[in-house]
Amino acid sequence: MDIDVDVPSFLREVRMAAPESLQGSILQMEDLWERRLWHQLTLELERFFNDPHSSGSRMRMYKDFVGTFEKNINQSKLVGLGLLAKEECKSIRFLIFFSDLGTSEALEFMTSLAEKVNTEATQDAYVYALVETAALKLAIGQGETVRKDLDAANKILETFDSVDPIIHAAFYRVSADYYSVFPQ
């Protein structure tokens, strides 16, 4: 993603608007970004996104900050950050109650994320994003496309010698949810 953002100014603005408990984390991100320490920056972002006080700023941080260096970090971690950010999509809390929200912001966001990580070298991240997108589709009643996504994910998973446990867990969680809704 090519984003024209003045990162130091953006982070300074976010830090000034953030609760005091998060300002140190954002200051740390500024330093890590300047030093191009992508792994450490990713770990700091995970801590930030998991902090309950970051609610309301995750999507903006994801789109305007993470997007500036998304190719430099572990793509499975990118998907994990995207999952935490998607919780801020306006329609996410309504997915369970209204089945006609097929074009929801969260689904569009996750579909876009899955497309980003769909490369030969990042198939594990693609499976992760595909399965989590299938979970959203299941919540809005798109059972047929969920089955196709799970079958595609399973086909890719079978080619791996080893997979991060979080990816397997996501696959089996969504598969179990699918079979609880559509028993065979």
Protein backbone atom coordinates (compact mmCIF):
# COMPACT_ATOMS: atom_id res chain seq x y z
CA MET A 1 0.00 0.00 0.00
CA ASP A 2 1.50 3.30 -1.04
CA ILE A 3 0.40 5.81 1.51
CA ASP A 4 1.46 9.43 1.46
CA VAL A 5 1.61 10.00 5.20
CA ASP A 6 4.15 12.01 7.09
CA VAL A 7 4.66 9.26 9.66
CA PRO A 8 6.47 11.30 12.33
CA SER A 9 3.77 13.99 12.20
CA PHE A 10 1.02 11.38 12.20
CA LEU A 11 2.45 9.57 15.24
CA ARG A 12 3.00 12.84 17.07
CA GLU A 13 -0.64 13.80 16.44
CA VAL A 14 -1.88 10.39 17.58
CA ARG A 15 0.33 10.51 20.68
CA MET A 16 -0.99 13.95 21.68
CA ALA A 17 -4.59 12.75 21.32
CA ALA A 18 -4.02 9.39 23.04
CA PRO A 19 -4.71 8.63 26.68
CA GLU A 20 -1.65 9.07 28.87
CA SER A 21 -1.36 5.30 29.34
CA LEU A 22 -0.71 4.85 25.58
CA GLN A 23 1.60 7.79 24.97
CA GLY A 24 4.73 5.84 25.95
CA SER A 25 3.81 3.07 23.52
CA ILE A 26 3.33 5.53 20.68
CA LEU A 27 6.62 7.25 21.55
CA GLN A 28 8.28 3.82 21.36
CA MET A 29 6.66 3.26 17.94
CA GLU A 30 8.08 6.58 16.72
CA ASP A 31 11.57 5.48 17.71
CA LEU A 32 11.24 2.00 16.22
CA TRP A 33 9.82 3.36 12.97
CA GLU A 34 12.68 5.85 12.61
CA ARG A 35 15.19 3.05 13.21
CA ARG A 36 13.33 0.71 10.81
CA LEU A 37 13.10 -2.06 13.41
CA TRP A 38 10.07 -3.74 11.87
CA HIS A 39 9.87 -6.79 14.12
CA GLN A 40 10.07 -4.78 17.33
CA LEU A 41 7.62 -2.25 15.90
CA THR A 42 5.20 -5.06 15.10
CA LEU A 43 5.43 -6.34 18.68
CA GLU A 44 4.78 -2.83 20.02
CA LEU A 45 1.80 -2.46 17.69
CA GLU A 46 0.39 -5.75 18.97
CA ARG A 47 0.69 -4.50 22.54
CA PHE A 48 -0.96 -1.22 21.53
CA PHE A 49 -3.82 -2.90 19.63
CA ASN A 50 -4.47 -5.29 22.52
CA ASP A 51 -4.68 -2.47 25.04
CA PRO A 52 -8.36 -1.66 25.74
CA HIS A 53 -7.52 2.06 25.81
CA SER A 54 -6.54 1.92 22.12
CA SER A 55 -10.14 1.26 21.16
CA GLY A 56 -11.25 3.87 18.69
CA SER A 57 -7.81 4.45 17.20
CA ARG A 58 -6.87 1.00 15.91
CA MET A 59 -8.35 1.28 12.42
CA ARG A 60 -6.76 4.67 11.85
CA MET A 61 -3.39 3.36 13.09
CA TYR A 62 -3.75 0.34 10.84
CA LYS A 63 -4.69 2.25 7.71
CA ASP A 64 -2.47 5.31 8.14
CA PHE A 65 0.54 3.86 9.92
CA VAL A 66 0.82 0.10 9.44
CA GLY A 67 0.05 0.59 5.75
CA THR A 68 3.28 2.55 5.33
CA PHE A 69 5.45 -0.49 6.08
CA GLU A 70 3.13 -3.49 5.72
CA LYS A 71 5.42 -5.22 3.21
CA ASN A 72 8.29 -5.18 5.74
CA ILE A 73 6.61 -7.16 8.49
CA ASN A 74 5.50 -10.73 9.00
CA GLN A 75 2.32 -11.06 6.97
CA SER A 76 0.60 -13.29 9.54
CA LYS A 77 1.19 -10.55 12.10
CA LEU A 78 -0.24 -8.06 9.60
CA VAL A 79 -3.41 -10.15 9.41
CA GLY A 80 -3.52 -10.34 13.22
CA LEU A 81 -3.32 -6.55 13.46
CA GLY A 82 -6.01 -6.30 10.80
CA LEU A 83 -8.27 -8.57 12.84
CA LEU A 84 -7.90 -6.31 15.85
CA ALA A 85 -8.53 -3.23 13.70
CA LYS A 86 -11.63 -4.69 12.03
CA GLU A 87 -13.39 -4.73 15.37
CA GLU A 88 -13.80 -0.98 14.95
CA CYS A 89 -15.75 -1.24 11.72
CA LYS A 90 -19.14 0.37 12.21
CA SER A 91 -21.13 -2.61 11.04
CA ILE A 92 -19.24 -5.35 12.92
CA ARG A 93 -21.48 -5.26 15.98
CA PHE A 94 -24.59 -5.62 13.81
CA LEU A 95 -23.45 -8.62 11.76
CA ILE A 96 -25.06 -11.12 14.08
CA PHE A 97 -28.41 -9.36 14.07
CA PHE A 98 -28.86 -8.42 10.41
CA SER A 99 -28.14 -11.00 7.75
CA ASP A 100 -28.39 -8.57 4.81
CA LEU A 101 -25.15 -6.72 5.56
CA GLY A 102 -23.17 -8.60 2.88
CA THR A 103 -21.29 -5.46 1.93
CA SER A 104 -20.34 -4.57 5.47
CA GLU A 105 -17.26 -2.48 6.13
CA ALA A 106 -15.65 -5.31 8.09
CA LEU A 107 -16.15 -7.83 5.29
CA GLU A 108 -14.75 -5.43 2.71
CA PHE A 109 -11.77 -4.70 4.95
CA MET A 110 -11.00 -8.38 5.53
CA THR A 111 -11.49 -9.30 1.87
CA SER A 112 -9.04 -6.56 0.91
CA LEU A 113 -6.56 -7.79 3.51
CA ALA A 114 -6.82 -11.37 2.22
CA GLU A 115 -6.11 -10.16 -1.31
CA LYS A 116 -3.03 -8.25 -0.10
CA VAL A 117 -1.45 -11.30 1.48
CA ASN A 118 -2.36 -13.71 -1.32
CA THR A 119 1.13 -14.27 -2.67
CA GLU A 120 3.18 -17.41 -3.16
CA ALA A 121 5.45 -16.55 -0.23
CA THR A 122 2.66 -15.67 2.23
CA GLN A 123 0.13 -18.47 1.82
CA ASP A 124 -0.03 -19.01 5.59
CA ALA A 125 -1.14 -15.40 6.12
CA TYR A 126 -3.57 -15.77 3.22
CA VAL A 127 -5.17 -18.83 4.84
CA TYR A 128 -5.47 -16.91 8.11
CA ALA A 129 -7.15 -13.94 6.41
CA LEU A 130 -9.34 -16.20 4.24
CA VAL A 131 -10.59 -18.16 7.25
CA GLU A 132 -11.32 -15.01 9.28
CA THR A 133 -13.15 -13.55 6.27
CA ALA A 134 -15.16 -16.78 6.13
CA ALA A 135 -16.09 -16.25 9.79
CA LEU A 136 -17.60 -12.88 8.90
CA LYS A 137 -19.44 -14.39 5.93
CA LEU A 138 -20.84 -17.08 8.22
CA ALA A 139 -22.10 -14.41 10.61
CA ILE A 140 -24.06 -12.76 7.81
CA GLY A 141 -25.41 -16.01 6.37
CA GLN A 142 -23.25 -16.56 3.30
CA GLY A 143 -22.90 -20.30 3.97
CA GLU A 144 -22.11 -21.37 0.41
CA THR A 145 -19.15 -18.98 0.09
CA VAL A 146 -17.96 -19.95 3.58
CA ARG A 147 -17.77 -23.60 2.51
CA LYS A 148 -15.77 -22.63 -0.60
CA ASP A 149 -13.38 -20.50 1.47
CA LEU A 150 -12.87 -23.27 4.04
CA ASP A 151 -12.25 -25.84 1.29
CA ALA A 152 -9.71 -23.51 -0.37
CA ALA A 153 -8.00 -22.90 2.97
CA ASN A 154 -7.90 -26.61 3.75
CA LYS A 155 -6.36 -27.36 0.36
CA ILE A 156 -3.57 -24.87 1.05
CA LEU A 157 -3.09 -26.08 4.63
CA GLU A 158 -2.56 -29.63 3.38
CA THR A 159 0.49 -28.47 1.40
CA PHE A 160 2.30 -27.11 4.47
CA ASP A 161 4.79 -29.08 6.54
CA SER A 162 4.05 -26.90 9.55
CA VAL A 163 1.69 -24.05 10.31
CA ASP A 164 1.48 -21.47 13.06
CA PRO A 165 -0.97 -22.83 15.66
CA ILE A 166 -3.02 -19.62 15.53
CA ILE A 167 -3.81 -20.33 11.87
CA HIS A 168 -4.85 -23.92 12.57
CA ALA A 169 -6.93 -22.73 15.52
CA ALA A 170 -8.73 -20.18 13.35
CA PHE A 171 -9.40 -22.78 10.66
CA TYR A 172 -10.83 -25.33 13.09
CA ARG A 173 -12.84 -22.69 14.99
CA VAL A 174 -14.53 -21.43 11.83
CA SER A 175 -15.02 -24.98 10.55
CA ALA A 176 -16.71 -25.95 13.82
CA ASP A 177 -18.90 -22.83 13.65
CA TYR A 178 -19.82 -23.68 10.06
CA TYR A 179 -20.80 -27.25 10.95
CA SER A 180 -22.82 -26.06 13.91
CA VAL A 181 -24.86 -23.85 11.58
CA PHE A 182 -24.89 -26.24 8.57
CA PRO A 183 -24.69 -29.80 9.94
CA GLN A 184 -23.80 -32.40 7.36
